[in-house]
Amino acid sequence: MFTISKEFAFSASHQLRGLPLEHPCSRLHGHNYVVTLVLAAEKLDRRSFVVDYNDLAPFEQYLKEKLDHRHLNDVLHFPPTAEKLAQHLFEFAESLWPDVVSSVFVSETPKTWANYAKDHDDECDQD
């Protein structure tokens, strides 16, 4: 299996509802998000790529246009946790590269990461 990844960044604010008032994430706050997109394929394309890194521009454009310097509660239709954001970005990337998206990692701080990955067991069950 061949695997590539690329890291992207954006800044945004959010507020997590339903938490106790004393919880720091219940207050309006922001993060400098880091997103890692991981793509994998058993075979390389005719140019010997999983995907050309230059072809990842639409993913970066989506982050810049839809999420960067925004209040995530206003632009997303789900609770803006790192976990749900990873799932959302995975699904967006999968719409662009359905056969090779493996996982998406989202970091809100240098020490925390959430990951959403393709369930390979489901693929095996469909055969």
C-alpha atoms as a PDB file:
ATOM      1  CA  MET A   1       0.000   0.000   0.000  1.00  0.00           C
ATOM      2  CA  PHE A   2       1.301   3.446  -0.945  1.00  0.00           C
ATOM      3  CA  THR A   3       0.402   6.324   1.367  1.00  0.00           C
ATOM      4  CA  ILE A   4       0.852  10.073   1.055  1.00  0.00           C
ATOM      5  CA  SER A   5      -0.221  12.871   3.356  1.00  0.00           C
ATOM      6  CA  LYS A   6      -0.333  16.622   3.269  1.00  0.00           C
ATOM      7  CA  GLU A   7      -0.777  19.082   6.094  1.00  0.00           C
ATOM      8  CA  PHE A   8      -3.015  22.150   5.864  1.00  0.00           C
ATOM      9  CA  ALA A   9      -3.820  24.922   8.344  1.00  0.00           C
ATOM     10  CA  PHE A  10      -6.606  27.363   9.074  1.00  0.00           C
ATOM     11  CA  SER A  11      -7.744  29.528  11.980  1.00  0.00           C
ATOM     12  CA  ALA A  12     -11.300  29.647  13.269  1.00  0.00           C
ATOM     13  CA  SER A  13     -13.427  30.138  16.358  1.00  0.00           C
ATOM     14  CA  HIS A  14     -16.095  27.899  17.827  1.00  0.00           C
ATOM     15  CA  GLN A  15     -18.119  27.302  20.940  1.00  0.00           C
ATOM     16  CA  LEU A  16     -19.223  23.865  22.110  1.00  0.00           C
ATOM     17  CA  ARG A  17     -22.758  23.880  23.435  1.00  0.00           C
ATOM     18  CA  GLY A  18     -24.143  21.517  26.052  1.00  0.00           C
ATOM     19  CA  LEU A  19     -21.044  21.579  28.232  1.00  0.00           C
ATOM     20  CA  PRO A  20     -20.981  22.835  31.824  1.00  0.00           C
ATOM     21  CA  LEU A  21     -20.482  26.608  32.011  1.00  0.00           C
ATOM     22  CA  GLU A  22     -17.136  26.126  33.753  1.00  0.00           C
ATOM     23  CA  HIS A  23     -15.810  24.002  30.876  1.00  0.00           C
ATOM     24  CA  PRO A  24     -13.363  26.128  28.827  1.00  0.00           C
ATOM     25  CA  CYS A  25     -14.783  24.871  25.515  1.00  0.00           C
ATOM     26  CA  SER A  26     -18.244  26.157  26.391  1.00  0.00           C
ATOM     27  CA  ARG A  27     -16.898  29.679  25.994  1.00  0.00           C
ATOM     28  CA  LEU A  28     -16.249  31.309  22.627  1.00  0.00           C
ATOM     29  CA  HIS A  29     -12.635  30.555  21.682  1.00  0.00           C
ATOM     30  CA  GLY A  30     -10.444  29.896  18.683  1.00  0.00           C
ATOM     31  CA  HIS A  31      -7.786  27.546  17.380  1.00  0.00           C
ATOM     32  CA  ASN A  32      -5.076  27.433  14.792  1.00  0.00           C
ATOM     33  CA  TYR A  33      -6.205  24.156  13.264  1.00  0.00           C
ATOM     34  CA  VAL A  34      -3.876  21.729  11.543  1.00  0.00           C
ATOM     35  CA  VAL A  35      -5.477  19.213   9.177  1.00  0.00           C
ATOM     36  CA  THR A  36      -3.629  16.219   7.764  1.00  0.00           C
ATOM     37  CA  LEU A  37      -5.137  14.508   4.744  1.00  0.00           C
ATOM     38  CA  VAL A  38      -3.953  10.918   4.206  1.00  0.00           C
ATOM     39  CA  LEU A  39      -4.437   9.184   0.846  1.00  0.00           C
ATOM     40  CA  ALA A  40      -3.592   5.552   0.086  1.00  0.00           C
ATOM     41  CA  ALA A  41      -3.617   3.260  -2.938  1.00  0.00           C
ATOM     42  CA  GLU A  42      -2.405  -0.219  -3.726  1.00  0.00           C
ATOM     43  CA  LYS A  43      -1.279   0.904  -7.183  1.00  0.00           C
ATOM     44  CA  LEU A  44       0.196   4.178  -8.382  1.00  0.00           C
ATOM     45  CA  ASP A  45      -1.272   6.125 -11.273  1.00  0.00           C
ATOM     46  CA  ARG A  46       0.444   6.398 -14.666  1.00  0.00           C
ATOM     47  CA  ARG A  47       2.692   9.182 -13.280  1.00  0.00           C
ATOM     48  CA  SER A  48       3.706   7.024 -10.278  1.00  0.00           C
ATOM     49  CA  PHE A  49       1.587   9.030  -7.813  1.00  0.00           C
ATOM     50  CA  VAL A  50      -1.150   8.096  -5.367  1.00  0.00           C
ATOM     51  CA  VAL A  51      -2.402  11.603  -6.159  1.00  0.00           C
ATOM     52  CA  ASP A  52      -0.278  14.496  -7.359  1.00  0.00           C
ATOM     53  CA  TYR A  53       0.169  16.884  -4.420  1.00  0.00           C
ATOM     54  CA  ASN A  54      -0.735  19.738  -6.778  1.00  0.00           C
ATOM     55  CA  ASP A  55      -4.133  18.095  -7.299  1.00  0.00           C
ATOM     56  CA  LEU A  56      -4.926  18.574  -3.594  1.00  0.00           C
ATOM     57  CA  ALA A  57      -5.542  22.289  -4.181  1.00  0.00           C
ATOM     58  CA  PRO A  58      -9.367  21.961  -4.036  1.00  0.00           C
ATOM     59  CA  PHE A  59      -9.122  20.626  -0.472  1.00  0.00           C
ATOM     60  CA  GLU A  60      -6.958  23.551   0.582  1.00  0.00           C
ATOM     61  CA  GLN A  61      -9.294  25.961  -1.207  1.00  0.00           C
ATOM     62  CA  TYR A  62     -12.277  24.551   0.689  1.00  0.00           C
ATOM     63  CA  LEU A  63     -10.511  25.122   4.008  1.00  0.00           C
ATOM     64  CA  LYS A  64      -9.613  28.694   3.050  1.00  0.00           C
ATOM     65  CA  GLU A  65     -12.999  29.668   1.607  1.00  0.00           C
ATOM     66  CA  LYS A  66     -15.378  27.883   3.974  1.00  0.00           C
ATOM     67  CA  LEU A  67     -13.570  27.586   7.323  1.00  0.00           C
ATOM     68  CA  ASP A  68     -10.601  29.943   7.625  1.00  0.00           C
ATOM     69  CA  HIS A  69     -11.222  32.950   9.865  1.00  0.00           C
ATOM     70  CA  ARG A  70     -14.854  31.932  10.400  1.00  0.00           C
ATOM     71  CA  HIS A  71     -16.958  31.089  13.420  1.00  0.00           C
ATOM     72  CA  LEU A  72     -17.504  27.359  12.824  1.00  0.00           C
ATOM     73  CA  ASN A  73     -20.866  27.343  14.611  1.00  0.00           C
ATOM     74  CA  ASP A  74     -22.148  29.678  11.881  1.00  0.00           C
ATOM     75  CA  VAL A  75     -20.863  27.721   8.868  1.00  0.00           C
ATOM     76  CA  LEU A  76     -21.208  24.047   9.881  1.00  0.00           C
ATOM     77  CA  HIS A  77     -24.454  22.143  10.394  1.00  0.00           C
ATOM     78  CA  PHE A  78     -23.065  19.975  13.230  1.00  0.00           C
ATOM     79  CA  PRO A  79     -21.332  20.521  16.588  1.00  0.00           C
ATOM     80  CA  PRO A  80     -17.857  21.831  15.655  1.00  0.00           C
ATOM     81  CA  THR A  81     -15.787  19.334  17.634  1.00  0.00           C
ATOM     82  CA  ALA A  82     -12.461  18.145  16.244  1.00  0.00           C
ATOM     83  CA  GLU A  83     -13.972  14.683  15.785  1.00  0.00           C
ATOM     84  CA  LYS A  84     -16.935  15.897  13.726  1.00  0.00           C
ATOM     85  CA  LEU A  85     -14.702  18.256  11.764  1.00  0.00           C
ATOM     86  CA  ALA A  86     -12.402  15.329  10.878  1.00  0.00           C
ATOM     87  CA  GLN A  87     -15.425  13.349   9.669  1.00  0.00           C
ATOM     88  CA  HIS A  88     -16.729  16.287   7.643  1.00  0.00           C
ATOM     89  CA  LEU A  89     -13.369  16.909   5.973  1.00  0.00           C
ATOM     90  CA  PHE A  90     -12.961  13.185   5.276  1.00  0.00           C
ATOM     91  CA  GLU A  91     -16.343  13.121   3.524  1.00  0.00           C
ATOM     92  CA  PHE A  92     -15.470  16.238   1.517  1.00  0.00           C
ATOM     93  CA  ALA A  93     -12.116  14.758   0.463  1.00  0.00           C
ATOM     94  CA  GLU A  94     -13.791  11.453  -0.385  1.00  0.00           C
ATOM     95  CA  SER A  95     -16.140  13.322  -2.739  1.00  0.00           C
ATOM     96  CA  LEU A  96     -13.033  14.506  -4.609  1.00  0.00           C
ATOM     97  CA  TRP A  97     -10.920  11.323  -4.449  1.00  0.00           C
ATOM     98  CA  PRO A  98     -13.311   8.463  -3.604  1.00  0.00           C
ATOM     99  CA  ASP A  99     -10.883   5.601  -4.097  1.00  0.00           C
ATOM    100  CA  VAL A 100      -7.878   6.877  -2.180  1.00  0.00           C
ATOM    101  CA  VAL A 101      -8.932   8.887   0.887  1.00  0.00           C
ATOM    102  CA  SER A 102      -7.724   6.955   3.921  1.00  0.00           C
ATOM    103  CA  SER A 103      -8.084   9.332   6.883  1.00  0.00           C
ATOM    104  CA  VAL A 104      -8.196  12.914   8.054  1.00  0.00           C
ATOM    105  CA  PHE A 105      -6.575  14.167  11.239  1.00  0.00           C
ATOM    106  CA  VAL A 106      -7.625  17.454  12.867  1.00  0.00           C
ATOM    107  CA  SER A 107      -5.549  19.164  15.539  1.00  0.00           C
ATOM    108  CA  GLU A 108      -6.778  22.048  17.652  1.00  0.00           C
ATOM    109  CA  THR A 109      -3.600  22.264  19.741  1.00  0.00           C
ATOM    110  CA  PRO A 110      -0.053  20.937  19.274  1.00  0.00           C
ATOM    111  CA  LYS A 111      -0.806  18.026  21.622  1.00  0.00           C
ATOM    112  CA  THR A 112      -4.306  16.964  20.543  1.00  0.00           C
ATOM    113  CA  TRP A 113      -5.529  15.152  17.416  1.00  0.00           C
ATOM    114  CA  ALA A 114      -8.829  13.696  16.259  1.00  0.00           C
ATOM    115  CA  ASN A 115      -8.897  11.221  13.391  1.00  0.00           C
ATOM    116  CA  TYR A 116     -11.611   9.959  11.064  1.00  0.00           C
ATOM    117  CA  ALA A 117     -10.641   6.996   8.893  1.00  0.00           C
ATOM    118  CA  LYS A 118     -12.183   4.765   6.302  1.00  0.00           C
ATOM    119  CA  ASP A 119     -13.487   1.544   7.837  1.00  0.00           C
ATOM    120  CA  HIS A 120     -11.685  -1.117   5.809  1.00  0.00           C
ATOM    121  CA  ASP A 121     -13.810  -3.864   7.403  1.00  0.00           C
ATOM    122  CA  ASP A 122     -16.920  -2.415   5.761  1.00  0.00           C
ATOM    123  CA  GLU A 123     -15.246  -2.672   2.358  1.00  0.00           C
ATOM    124  CA  CYS A 124     -14.439  -6.322   2.957  1.00  0.00           C
ATOM    125  CA  ASP A 125     -18.036  -7.035   4.043  1.00  0.00           C
ATOM    126  CA  GLN A 126     -19.372  -5.685   0.755  1.00  0.00           C
ATOM    127  CA  ASP A 127     -17.466  -8.181  -1.371  1.00  0.00           C
END
